[in-house]
């Protein structure tokens, strides 16, 4: 594997599990240094075990307005950043008659306010020529029942990436977004009996329907998304900015 990240320092929010951790591990394997954030102690411990000792594993809550400044202070020890992957996110099903202020604000705070405040604090720490990546979703394009609020927050990430690409372009900083489709990271847990009223059998039936909605007929995995994320954060994508990359098995065109 080519060492595309030799001497590069990359910060990944939501980097202690799933797509974020898979991307961190790939960057390390290609010679890079990473800092990752998360909130779950279980996931923080997992990242601590799976990443090199030199990595920064930081507890940081994207929904907390004060956390962005704290994060910027913590990554100062890394020096300038060559890459920033704003991946932290939260999703839940909110049917029309079940959407309340608390759930709406939680999703907006984690998925939108957090990245905006993080960019406010971290843009000045990006080296010229750095790569920035935001996690969007296929949700804005698929119109899943109960997914309106989540889809709206992810559509906003695409808007952020295009505006920030214009603003940071004069410094050679590229900003793109990545839209995962059905990735096998336990996302169906939001449909559990407790939160979504589905039995295990019903969830399995839903999983089969989702698979059939893709061209490739299967779920993806975190490593497959990480491969595209690493490309977009690397100099291999030196002429790619303000773009949205789908990693969805063809779901949005099927």
C-alpha atoms as a PDB file:
ATOM      1  CA  UNK A   1       0.000   0.000   0.000  1.00  0.00           C
ATOM      2  CA  UNK A   2       1.407   3.390  -0.990  1.00  0.00           C
ATOM      3  CA  UNK A   3       2.243   5.732   1.856  1.00  0.00           C
ATOM      4  CA  UNK A   4       0.058   8.600   0.679  1.00  0.00           C
ATOM      5  CA  UNK A   5      -0.078  10.049   4.182  1.00  0.00           C
ATOM      6  CA  UNK A   6       3.618  10.101   5.114  1.00  0.00           C
ATOM      7  CA  UNK A   7       4.138  13.138   7.325  1.00  0.00           C
ATOM      8  CA  UNK A   8       0.421  14.012   7.206  1.00  0.00           C
ATOM      9  CA  UNK A   9      -1.718  14.794  10.254  1.00  0.00           C
ATOM     10  CA  UNK A  10      -5.449  14.070  10.011  1.00  0.00           C
ATOM     11  CA  UNK A  11      -8.257  14.768  12.494  1.00  0.00           C
ATOM     12  CA  UNK A  12     -11.390  12.614  12.309  1.00  0.00           C
ATOM     13  CA  UNK A  13     -14.449  13.464  14.389  1.00  0.00           C
ATOM     14  CA  UNK A  14     -16.599  10.448  15.150  1.00  0.00           C
ATOM     15  CA  UNK A  15     -13.420   8.475  14.529  1.00  0.00           C
ATOM     16  CA  UNK A  16     -13.642   5.908  17.296  1.00  0.00           C
ATOM     17  CA  UNK A  17     -15.890   3.411  15.523  1.00  0.00           C
ATOM     18  CA  UNK A  18     -17.436   2.501  12.187  1.00  0.00           C
ATOM     19  CA  UNK A  19     -16.453   4.507   9.114  1.00  0.00           C
ATOM     20  CA  UNK A  20     -14.380   6.996  11.100  1.00  0.00           C
ATOM     21  CA  UNK A  21     -12.226   4.348  12.777  1.00  0.00           C
ATOM     22  CA  UNK A  22     -11.822   2.403   9.529  1.00  0.00           C
ATOM     23  CA  UNK A  23     -10.581   5.584   7.850  1.00  0.00           C
ATOM     24  CA  UNK A  24      -8.207   6.337  10.725  1.00  0.00           C
ATOM     25  CA  UNK A  25      -6.719   2.848  10.524  1.00  0.00           C
ATOM     26  CA  UNK A  26      -6.235   3.143   6.766  1.00  0.00           C
ATOM     27  CA  UNK A  27      -4.507   6.520   7.116  1.00  0.00           C
ATOM     28  CA  UNK A  28      -2.183   5.121   9.778  1.00  0.00           C
ATOM     29  CA  UNK A  29      -1.427   2.126   7.553  1.00  0.00           C
ATOM     30  CA  UNK A  30      -0.418   4.602   4.839  1.00  0.00           C
ATOM     31  CA  UNK A  31       2.000   6.474   7.096  1.00  0.00           C
ATOM     32  CA  UNK A  32      -0.224   9.171   8.589  1.00  0.00           C
ATOM     33  CA  UNK A  33      -0.768  10.447  12.120  1.00  0.00           C
ATOM     34  CA  UNK A  34      -4.355  10.679  13.356  1.00  0.00           C
ATOM     35  CA  UNK A  35      -6.453  12.220  16.068  1.00  0.00           C
ATOM     36  CA  UNK A  36      -9.950  10.801  16.545  1.00  0.00           C
ATOM     37  CA  UNK A  37     -12.889  11.901  18.652  1.00  0.00           C
ATOM     38  CA  UNK A  38     -15.881  10.144  20.164  1.00  0.00           C
ATOM     39  CA  UNK A  39     -18.201  10.145  23.154  1.00  0.00           C
ATOM     40  CA  UNK A  40     -18.782   6.474  23.963  1.00  0.00           C
ATOM     41  CA  UNK A  41     -16.246   5.088  26.443  1.00  0.00           C
ATOM     42  CA  UNK A  42     -16.542   1.696  24.784  1.00  0.00           C
ATOM     43  CA  UNK A  43     -15.618   3.175  21.409  1.00  0.00           C
ATOM     44  CA  UNK A  44     -12.866   5.353  22.888  1.00  0.00           C
ATOM     45  CA  UNK A  45     -11.340   2.240  24.450  1.00  0.00           C
ATOM     46  CA  UNK A  46     -11.670   0.364  21.147  1.00  0.00           C
ATOM     47  CA  UNK A  47      -9.862   3.114  19.237  1.00  0.00           C
ATOM     48  CA  UNK A  48      -7.174   3.205  21.897  1.00  0.00           C
ATOM     49  CA  UNK A  49      -6.551  -0.501  21.349  1.00  0.00           C
ATOM     50  CA  UNK A  50      -6.648  -0.454  17.563  1.00  0.00           C
ATOM     51  CA  UNK A  51      -4.674   2.712  16.819  1.00  0.00           C
ATOM     52  CA  UNK A  52      -0.968   3.330  17.506  1.00  0.00           C
ATOM     53  CA  UNK A  53       0.049   4.843  20.843  1.00  0.00           C
ATOM     54  CA  UNK A  54       1.063   8.051  19.065  1.00  0.00           C
ATOM     55  CA  UNK A  55      -2.555   8.655  18.010  1.00  0.00           C
ATOM     56  CA  UNK A  56      -4.723  11.117  19.910  1.00  0.00           C
ATOM     57  CA  UNK A  57      -7.985   9.546  21.097  1.00  0.00           C
ATOM     58  CA  UNK A  58     -10.135  12.359  22.430  1.00  0.00           C
ATOM     59  CA  UNK A  59     -13.485  12.511  24.184  1.00  0.00           C
ATOM     60  CA  UNK A  60     -15.373  15.301  22.431  1.00  0.00           C
ATOM     61  CA  UNK A  61     -19.111  15.825  21.966  1.00  0.00           C
ATOM     62  CA  UNK A  62     -20.038  17.514  18.678  1.00  0.00           C
ATOM     63  CA  UNK A  63     -23.406  18.532  20.161  1.00  0.00           C
ATOM     64  CA  UNK A  64     -21.726  20.692  22.826  1.00  0.00           C
ATOM     65  CA  UNK A  65     -21.088  24.257  21.544  1.00  0.00           C
ATOM     66  CA  UNK A  66     -18.091  24.599  23.870  1.00  0.00           C
ATOM     67  CA  UNK A  67     -16.500  21.374  22.630  1.00  0.00           C
ATOM     68  CA  UNK A  68     -15.250  22.830  19.328  1.00  0.00           C
ATOM     69  CA  UNK A  69     -12.928  25.272  21.058  1.00  0.00           C
ATOM     70  CA  UNK A  70     -11.722  22.543  23.399  1.00  0.00           C
ATOM     71  CA  UNK A  71     -11.031  20.301  20.414  1.00  0.00           C
ATOM     72  CA  UNK A  72      -8.988  22.997  18.683  1.00  0.00           C
ATOM     73  CA  UNK A  73      -6.894  23.425  21.818  1.00  0.00           C
ATOM     74  CA  UNK A  74      -6.291  19.683  22.133  1.00  0.00           C
ATOM     75  CA  UNK A  75      -5.127  19.210  18.541  1.00  0.00           C
ATOM     76  CA  UNK A  76      -2.715  22.139  18.778  1.00  0.00           C
ATOM     77  CA  UNK A  77      -0.059  19.674  19.879  1.00  0.00           C
ATOM     78  CA  UNK A  78      -0.284  17.987  16.483  1.00  0.00           C
ATOM     79  CA  UNK A  79       0.767  21.143  14.681  1.00  0.00           C
ATOM     80  CA  UNK A  80      -0.994  22.129  11.463  1.00  0.00           C
ATOM     81  CA  UNK A  81      -3.587  19.723  10.074  1.00  0.00           C
ATOM     82  CA  UNK A  82      -3.256  18.240   6.593  1.00  0.00           C
ATOM     83  CA  UNK A  83      -6.722  16.739   6.682  1.00  0.00           C
ATOM     84  CA  UNK A  84     -10.018  17.087   8.526  1.00  0.00           C
ATOM     85  CA  UNK A  85     -12.819  14.530   8.329  1.00  0.00           C
ATOM     86  CA  UNK A  86     -16.009  15.850   9.954  1.00  0.00           C
ATOM     87  CA  UNK A  87     -17.699  12.496  10.361  1.00  0.00           C
ATOM     88  CA  UNK A  88     -19.470  12.671  13.742  1.00  0.00           C
ATOM     89  CA  UNK A  89     -23.202  12.276  13.306  1.00  0.00           C
ATOM     90  CA  UNK A  90     -26.429  11.052  14.813  1.00  0.00           C
ATOM     91  CA  UNK A  91     -29.504   9.527  13.223  1.00  0.00           C
ATOM     92  CA  UNK A  92     -32.940   8.502  14.431  1.00  0.00           C
ATOM     93  CA  UNK A  93     -36.315   7.815  12.879  1.00  0.00           C
ATOM     94  CA  UNK A  94     -38.755  10.674  13.417  1.00  0.00           C
ATOM     95  CA  UNK A  95     -42.162  10.020  11.819  1.00  0.00           C
ATOM     96  CA  UNK A  96     -44.351  13.033  11.126  1.00  0.00           C
ATOM     97  CA  UNK A  97     -46.477  12.548  14.213  1.00  0.00           C
ATOM     98  CA  UNK A  98     -43.508  11.588  16.386  1.00  0.00           C
ATOM     99  CA  UNK A  99     -41.103  14.463  15.773  1.00  0.00           C
ATOM    100  CA  UNK A 100     -40.520  16.646  18.794  1.00  0.00           C
ATOM    101  CA  UNK A 101     -38.332  19.645  19.593  1.00  0.00           C
ATOM    102  CA  UNK A 102     -35.839  17.613  21.611  1.00  0.00           C
ATOM    103  CA  UNK A 103     -35.110  15.094  18.871  1.00  0.00           C
ATOM    104  CA  UNK A 104     -34.983  17.785  16.182  1.00  0.00           C
ATOM    105  CA  UNK A 105     -32.505  19.877  18.151  1.00  0.00           C
ATOM    106  CA  UNK A 106     -30.335  16.870  19.005  1.00  0.00           C
ATOM    107  CA  UNK A 107     -29.893  15.917  15.363  1.00  0.00           C
ATOM    108  CA  UNK A 108     -29.286  19.483  14.244  1.00  0.00           C
ATOM    109  CA  UNK A 109     -26.774  20.101  17.038  1.00  0.00           C
ATOM    110  CA  UNK A 110     -24.732  16.980  16.304  1.00  0.00           C
ATOM    111  CA  UNK A 111     -25.041  16.877  12.508  1.00  0.00           C
ATOM    112  CA  UNK A 112     -24.933  20.600  11.664  1.00  0.00           C
ATOM    113  CA  UNK A 113     -24.062  22.927  14.528  1.00  0.00           C
ATOM    114  CA  UNK A 114     -21.137  20.743  15.602  1.00  0.00           C
ATOM    115  CA  UNK A 115     -19.406  20.707  12.187  1.00  0.00           C
ATOM    116  CA  UNK A 116     -20.020  24.440  11.677  1.00  0.00           C
ATOM    117  CA  UNK A 117     -18.435  25.338  15.022  1.00  0.00           C
ATOM    118  CA  UNK A 118     -15.614  22.853  14.453  1.00  0.00           C
ATOM    119  CA  UNK A 119     -14.793  24.457  11.108  1.00  0.00           C
ATOM    120  CA  UNK A 120     -14.919  27.866  12.761  1.00  0.00           C
ATOM    121  CA  UNK A 121     -12.260  26.777  15.234  1.00  0.00           C
ATOM    122  CA  UNK A 122     -10.190  24.494  13.010  1.00  0.00           C
ATOM    123  CA  UNK A 123     -10.059  26.178   9.591  1.00  0.00           C
ATOM    124  CA  UNK A 124      -7.169  28.349  10.726  1.00  0.00           C
ATOM    125  CA  UNK A 125      -5.242  25.243  11.781  1.00  0.00           C
ATOM    126  CA  UNK A 126      -5.474  23.654   8.319  1.00  0.00           C
ATOM    127  CA  UNK A 127      -2.282  23.753   6.285  1.00  0.00           C
ATOM    128  CA  UNK A 128      -2.562  25.202   2.798  1.00  0.00           C
ATOM    129  CA  UNK A 129      -3.423  22.375   0.413  1.00  0.00           C
ATOM    130  CA  UNK A 130      -5.220  20.353   3.101  1.00  0.00           C
ATOM    131  CA  UNK A 131      -8.210  18.122   2.411  1.00  0.00           C
ATOM    132  CA  UNK A 132     -11.533  18.458   4.228  1.00  0.00           C
ATOM    133  CA  UNK A 133     -14.253  15.819   4.055  1.00  0.00           C
ATOM    134  CA  UNK A 134     -17.806  15.903   5.408  1.00  0.00           C
ATOM    135  CA  UNK A 135     -20.062  12.901   5.892  1.00  0.00           C
ATOM    136  CA  UNK A 136     -23.394  13.292   4.158  1.00  0.00           C
ATOM    137  CA  UNK A 137     -25.761  10.421   3.271  1.00  0.00           C
ATOM    138  CA  UNK A 138     -27.991   9.029   0.562  1.00  0.00           C
ATOM    139  CA  UNK A 139     -30.906   9.958   2.827  1.00  0.00           C
ATOM    140  CA  UNK A 140     -31.646  13.297   1.079  1.00  0.00           C
ATOM    141  CA  UNK A 141     -32.143  11.368  -2.182  1.00  0.00           C
ATOM    142  CA  UNK A 142     -34.101   8.302  -1.066  1.00  0.00           C
ATOM    143  CA  UNK A 143     -37.032   9.805   0.833  1.00  0.00           C
ATOM    144  CA  UNK A 144     -37.284   7.088   3.487  1.00  0.00           C
ATOM    145  CA  UNK A 145     -40.360   7.296   5.745  1.00  0.00           C
ATOM    146  CA  UNK A 146     -39.465   8.850   9.075  1.00  0.00           C
ATOM    147  CA  UNK A 147     -36.210  10.186   7.699  1.00  0.00           C
ATOM    148  CA  UNK A 148     -37.104  13.801   6.937  1.00  0.00           C
ATOM    149  CA  UNK A 149     -35.159  15.482   9.741  1.00  0.00           C
ATOM    150  CA  UNK A 150     -32.088  13.297   9.357  1.00  0.00           C
ATOM    151  CA  UNK A 151     -32.119  13.765   5.569  1.00  0.00           C
ATOM    152  CA  UNK A 152     -32.368  17.531   5.957  1.00  0.00           C
ATOM    153  CA  UNK A 153     -29.360  17.652   8.272  1.00  0.00           C
ATOM    154  CA  UNK A 154     -27.335  15.582   5.811  1.00  0.00           C
ATOM    155  CA  UNK A 155     -28.379  17.719   2.843  1.00  0.00           C
ATOM    156  CA  UNK A 156     -27.015  20.666   4.802  1.00  0.00           C
ATOM    157  CA  UNK A 157     -23.605  18.989   4.895  1.00  0.00           C
ATOM    158  CA  UNK A 158     -23.481  19.122   1.100  1.00  0.00           C
ATOM    159  CA  UNK A 159     -24.336  22.827   1.193  1.00  0.00           C
ATOM    160  CA  UNK A 160     -21.588  23.435   3.756  1.00  0.00           C
ATOM    161  CA  UNK A 161     -18.999  21.589   1.678  1.00  0.00           C
ATOM    162  CA  UNK A 162     -19.673  23.580  -1.487  1.00  0.00           C
ATOM    163  CA  UNK A 163     -19.606  26.962   0.277  1.00  0.00           C
ATOM    164  CA  UNK A 164     -16.512  26.106   2.289  1.00  0.00           C
ATOM    165  CA  UNK A 165     -14.788  24.850  -0.862  1.00  0.00           C
ATOM    166  CA  UNK A 166     -15.273  28.297  -2.420  1.00  0.00           C
ATOM    167  CA  UNK A 167     -14.100  30.076   0.709  1.00  0.00           C
ATOM    168  CA  UNK A 168     -11.012  27.943   1.295  1.00  0.00           C
ATOM    169  CA  UNK A 169     -10.099  27.380  -2.347  1.00  0.00           C
ATOM    170  CA  UNK A 170      -7.643  30.303  -2.499  1.00  0.00           C
ATOM    171  CA  UNK A 171      -5.532  28.423   0.069  1.00  0.00           C
ATOM    172  CA  UNK A 172      -5.590  25.281  -2.032  1.00  0.00           C
ATOM    173  CA  UNK A 173      -7.794  23.582   0.555  1.00  0.00           C
ATOM    174  CA  UNK A 174     -10.252  21.112  -0.973  1.00  0.00           C
ATOM    175  CA  UNK A 175     -13.648  20.415   0.625  1.00  0.00           C
ATOM    176  CA  UNK A 176     -15.771  17.453  -0.425  1.00  0.00           C
ATOM    177  CA  UNK A 177     -18.565  15.311   0.986  1.00  0.00           C
ATOM    178  CA  UNK A 178     -19.088  11.569   1.015  1.00  0.00           C
ATOM    179  CA  UNK A 179     -22.545   9.968   0.970  1.00  0.00           C
ATOM    180  CA  UNK A 180     -22.609   6.420   2.336  1.00  0.00           C
ATOM    181  CA  UNK A 181     -25.566   4.234   1.517  1.00  0.00           C
ATOM    182  CA  UNK A 182     -26.554   1.115   3.493  1.00  0.00           C
ATOM    183  CA  UNK A 183     -23.340   0.364   5.370  1.00  0.00           C
ATOM    184  CA  UNK A 184     -23.282  -2.521   7.819  1.00  0.00           C
ATOM    185  CA  UNK A 185     -22.475  -0.471  10.925  1.00  0.00           C
ATOM    186  CA  UNK A 186     -25.545  -1.372  12.973  1.00  0.00           C
ATOM    187  CA  UNK A 187     -27.662   1.459  11.579  1.00  0.00           C
ATOM    188  CA  UNK A 188     -30.792  -0.715  11.713  1.00  0.00           C
ATOM    189  CA  UNK A 189     -30.596  -0.529  15.497  1.00  0.00           C
ATOM    190  CA  UNK A 190     -32.532   2.754  15.278  1.00  0.00           C
ATOM    191  CA  UNK A 191     -35.497   0.596  14.278  1.00  0.00           C
ATOM    192  CA  UNK A 192     -35.372  -1.483  17.471  1.00  0.00           C
ATOM    193  CA  UNK A 193     -38.498  -2.242  19.463  1.00  0.00           C
ATOM    194  CA  UNK A 194     -37.582   0.537  21.888  1.00  0.00           C
ATOM    195  CA  UNK A 195     -37.076   3.357  19.371  1.00  0.00           C
ATOM    196  CA  UNK A 196     -38.799   2.282  16.195  1.00  0.00           C
ATOM    197  CA  UNK A 197     -41.250  -0.431  17.148  1.00  0.00           C
ATOM    198  CA  UNK A 198     -39.723  -3.147  14.943  1.00  0.00           C
ATOM    199  CA  UNK A 199     -39.113  -6.734  15.939  1.00  0.00           C
ATOM    200  CA  UNK A 200     -35.925  -8.534  14.879  1.00  0.00           C
ATOM    201  CA  UNK A 201     -37.917 -10.304  12.174  1.00  0.00           C
ATOM    202  CA  UNK A 202     -39.235  -7.008  10.826  1.00  0.00           C
ATOM    203  CA  UNK A 203     -35.746  -5.534  10.841  1.00  0.00           C
ATOM    204  CA  UNK A 204     -34.468  -8.508   8.858  1.00  0.00           C
ATOM    205  CA  UNK A 205     -37.229  -8.045   6.300  1.00  0.00           C
ATOM    206  CA  UNK A 206     -36.294  -4.376   6.042  1.00  0.00           C
ATOM    207  CA  UNK A 207     -32.641  -5.304   5.572  1.00  0.00           C
ATOM    208  CA  UNK A 208     -33.571  -7.538   2.651  1.00  0.00           C
ATOM    209  CA  UNK A 209     -35.613  -4.741   1.062  1.00  0.00           C
ATOM    210  CA  UNK A 210     -32.692  -2.355   1.409  1.00  0.00           C
ATOM    211  CA  UNK A 211     -30.301  -4.821  -0.213  1.00  0.00           C
ATOM    212  CA  UNK A 212     -32.654  -5.178  -3.172  1.00  0.00           C
ATOM    213  CA  UNK A 213     -32.747  -1.395  -3.554  1.00  0.00           C
ATOM    214  CA  UNK A 214     -29.040  -1.379  -4.454  1.00  0.00           C
ATOM    215  CA  UNK A 215     -27.525  -2.392  -7.775  1.00  0.00           C
ATOM    216  CA  UNK A 216     -24.970  -4.616  -6.037  1.00  0.00           C
ATOM    217  CA  UNK A 217     -27.613  -6.311  -3.883  1.00  0.00           C
ATOM    218  CA  UNK A 218     -25.786  -6.091  -0.563  1.00  0.00           C
ATOM    219  CA  UNK A 219     -24.762  -3.854   2.315  1.00  0.00           C
ATOM    220  CA  UNK A 220     -21.416  -2.120   2.139  1.00  0.00           C
ATOM    221  CA  UNK A 221     -18.858  -2.096   4.926  1.00  0.00           C
ATOM    222  CA  UNK A 222     -16.824   0.556   6.692  1.00  0.00           C
ATOM    223  CA  UNK A 223     -13.586  -0.336   4.907  1.00  0.00           C
ATOM    224  CA  UNK A 224     -15.218   0.293   1.536  1.00  0.00           C
ATOM    225  CA  UNK A 225     -16.250   3.781   2.603  1.00  0.00           C
ATOM    226  CA  UNK A 226     -12.850   4.387   4.202  1.00  0.00           C
ATOM    227  CA  UNK A 227     -11.148   3.646   0.875  1.00  0.00           C
ATOM    228  CA  UNK A 228     -13.037   6.506  -0.785  1.00  0.00           C
ATOM    229  CA  UNK A 229     -12.597   8.793   2.221  1.00  0.00           C
ATOM    230  CA  UNK A 230      -8.832   8.218   2.204  1.00  0.00           C
ATOM    231  CA  UNK A 231      -8.705   9.038  -1.511  1.00  0.00           C
ATOM    232  CA  UNK A 232     -10.550  12.323  -0.988  1.00  0.00           C
ATOM    233  CA  UNK A 233      -8.296  13.289   1.932  1.00  0.00           C
ATOM    234  CA  UNK A 234      -5.128  12.425   0.004  1.00  0.00           C
ATOM    235  CA  UNK A 235      -3.179  14.304  -2.647  1.00  0.00           C
ATOM    236  CA  UNK A 236      -4.519  11.779  -5.174  1.00  0.00           C
ATOM    237  CA  UNK A 237      -7.644  13.973  -5.156  1.00  0.00           C
ATOM    238  CA  UNK A 238      -5.670  17.203  -5.622  1.00  0.00           C
ATOM    239  CA  UNK A 239      -8.086  18.459  -8.305  1.00  0.00           C
ATOM    240  CA  UNK A 240     -11.296  17.325  -6.615  1.00  0.00           C
ATOM    241  CA  UNK A 241     -13.283  19.859  -4.592  1.00  0.00           C
ATOM    242  CA  UNK A 242     -16.936  20.824  -3.972  1.00  0.00           C
ATOM    243  CA  UNK A 243     -17.878  17.275  -4.994  1.00  0.00           C
ATOM    244  CA  UNK A 244     -20.111  14.655  -3.432  1.00  0.00           C
ATOM    245  CA  UNK A 245     -19.045  11.015  -3.698  1.00  0.00           C
ATOM    246  CA  UNK A 246     -21.652   8.251  -3.308  1.00  0.00           C
ATOM    247  CA  UNK A 247     -20.609   4.966  -1.728  1.00  0.00           C
ATOM    248  CA  UNK A 248     -23.991   3.279  -1.881  1.00  0.00           C
ATOM    249  CA  UNK A 249     -23.843   0.219  -4.127  1.00  0.00           C
ATOM    250  CA  UNK A 250     -25.870   2.147  -6.696  1.00  0.00           C
ATOM    251  CA  UNK A 251     -28.849   2.793  -4.398  1.00  0.00           C
ATOM    252  CA  UNK A 252     -29.439   6.334  -5.613  1.00  0.00           C
ATOM    253  CA  UNK A 253     -29.544   5.310  -9.279  1.00  0.00           C
ATOM    254  CA  UNK A 254     -31.362   1.958  -8.954  1.00  0.00           C
END
